[in-house]
Amino acid sequence: MSPYVNERLALLDKFLQVFQEAAKERDRRQDFGPSPKGAFPTTEPAWVAFERRAMLDAVNLERRVRGLPQITEAQVIRVENQAHGHVDYAHKYALYCAELALGEDRPRP
């Protein structure tokens, strides 16, 4: 297996773990807060924002290590939305975040 594939798989595992750890907070974060600007609905559960922030921070840490510019919350929201509806949502979300960390920003239909 190529080093690139190994790196991608390692990041997939890492981001899946980040997501799963953040998801453990759901029961403690049941209040609602404002959604990101321009989002609908205009409020969202606090656990959604918490998980998104955990993924954003993890991606940006990996990008910093690679000398890549930081990404925005909007980019994480986009890959989060691309993962919606998939039976393997958590894996897709983690994979898409791994791609962001590697500088592969590939919007999907």
Protein backbone atom coordinates (compact mmCIF):
# COMPACT_ATOMS: atom_id res chain seq x y z
CA MET A 1 0.00 0.00 0.00
CA SER A 2 1.31 3.44 -0.86
CA PRO A 3 2.29 5.86 1.92
CA TYR A 4 -0.46 8.21 0.72
CA VAL A 5 -3.14 5.52 1.15
CA ASN A 6 -1.78 4.68 4.59
CA GLU A 7 -1.89 8.36 5.57
CA ARG A 8 -5.44 8.70 4.31
CA LEU A 9 -6.59 5.60 6.20
CA ALA A 10 -4.83 6.78 9.36
CA LEU A 11 -6.61 10.14 9.11
CA LEU A 12 -9.93 8.41 8.48
CA ASP A 13 -9.46 6.44 11.70
CA LYS A 14 -8.36 9.54 13.58
CA PHE A 15 -11.33 11.64 12.47
CA LEU A 16 -13.78 8.82 13.12
CA GLN A 17 -12.42 8.66 16.66
CA VAL A 18 -12.69 12.46 17.05
CA PHE A 19 -16.30 12.32 15.88
CA GLN A 20 -17.18 9.40 18.14
CA GLU A 21 -15.63 11.11 21.17
CA ALA A 22 -17.50 14.34 20.46
CA ALA A 23 -20.76 12.40 19.99
CA LYS A 24 -20.46 11.13 23.56
CA GLU A 25 -21.36 14.69 24.65
CA ARG A 26 -24.80 14.66 23.02
CA ASP A 27 -26.75 13.95 26.21
CA ARG A 28 -25.10 16.93 27.93
CA ARG A 29 -25.65 19.34 25.03
CA GLN A 30 -29.38 19.27 24.39
CA ASP A 31 -29.93 23.04 24.37
CA PHE A 32 -30.27 24.98 21.13
CA GLY A 33 -28.15 27.78 19.75
CA PRO A 34 -27.91 29.78 16.55
CA SER A 35 -26.95 27.95 13.36
CA PRO A 36 -24.09 29.33 11.26
CA LYS A 37 -24.96 32.47 9.33
CA GLY A 38 -27.29 31.78 6.43
CA ALA A 39 -28.10 28.24 7.52
CA PHE A 40 -31.58 26.82 7.73
CA PRO A 41 -32.93 26.13 10.25
CA THR A 42 -31.68 29.17 12.12
CA THR A 43 -31.11 27.21 15.33
CA GLU A 44 -29.49 23.86 15.93
CA PRO A 45 -28.82 21.55 18.86
CA ALA A 46 -25.66 22.47 20.77
CA TRP A 47 -24.31 18.96 20.22
CA VAL A 48 -24.30 19.52 16.45
CA ALA A 49 -22.19 22.67 16.83
CA PHE A 50 -19.91 20.91 19.34
CA GLU A 51 -19.25 17.96 17.01
CA ARG A 52 -18.68 20.26 14.04
CA ARG A 53 -16.20 22.34 16.05
CA ALA A 54 -14.34 19.20 17.13
CA MET A 55 -14.00 18.14 13.50
CA LEU A 56 -12.97 21.63 12.38
CA ASP A 57 -10.28 21.80 15.05
CA ALA A 58 -8.99 18.31 14.22
CA VAL A 59 -8.84 19.05 10.48
CA ASN A 60 -7.08 22.36 11.02
CA LEU A 61 -4.52 20.72 13.32
CA GLU A 62 -3.66 18.22 10.59
CA ARG A 63 -3.54 20.96 7.96
CA ARG A 64 -1.19 23.00 10.14
CA VAL A 65 1.15 19.98 10.40
CA ARG A 66 1.13 19.77 6.59
CA GLY A 67 1.69 23.49 6.04
CA LEU A 68 -1.77 23.97 4.53
CA PRO A 69 -3.97 27.00 5.20
CA GLN A 70 -6.74 26.68 7.76
CA ILE A 71 -10.22 25.80 6.57
CA THR A 72 -13.47 27.42 7.60
CA GLU A 73 -16.54 26.12 9.36
CA ALA A 74 -18.37 26.46 6.04
CA GLN A 75 -16.10 23.82 4.51
CA VAL A 76 -16.81 21.40 7.35
CA ILE A 77 -20.53 22.10 7.03
CA ARG A 78 -20.30 21.26 3.32
CA VAL A 79 -18.70 17.86 3.91
CA GLU A 80 -21.04 17.25 6.84
CA ASN A 81 -23.97 17.84 4.48
CA GLN A 82 -22.43 15.56 1.86
CA ALA A 83 -22.34 12.76 4.43
CA HIS A 84 -26.01 13.23 5.40
CA GLY A 85 -28.29 10.45 4.27
CA HIS A 86 -25.54 7.85 4.02
CA VAL A 87 -25.97 4.67 6.01
CA ASP A 88 -22.35 5.05 7.02
CA TYR A 89 -22.66 8.76 7.87
CA ALA A 90 -19.90 8.76 10.50
CA HIS A 91 -17.42 7.07 8.17
CA LYS A 92 -18.28 9.37 5.25
CA TYR A 93 -17.98 12.45 7.45
CA ALA A 94 -14.60 11.26 8.77
CA LEU A 95 -13.41 10.40 5.23
CA TYR A 96 -14.43 13.78 3.85
CA CYS A 97 -12.69 15.50 6.77
CA ALA A 98 -9.56 13.42 6.05
CA GLU A 99 -9.68 14.67 2.47
CA LEU A 100 -9.93 18.25 3.72
CA ALA A 101 -6.93 17.64 5.98
CA LEU A 102 -4.91 16.44 3.00
CA GLY A 103 -5.91 19.41 0.86
CA GLU A 104 -8.36 17.43 -1.28
CA ASP A 105 -11.39 19.67 -1.32
CA ARG A 106 -13.67 17.79 -3.71
CA PRO A 107 -17.27 18.97 -3.64
CA ARG A 108 -19.70 16.15 -4.38
CA PRO A 109 -23.13 16.46 -5.94
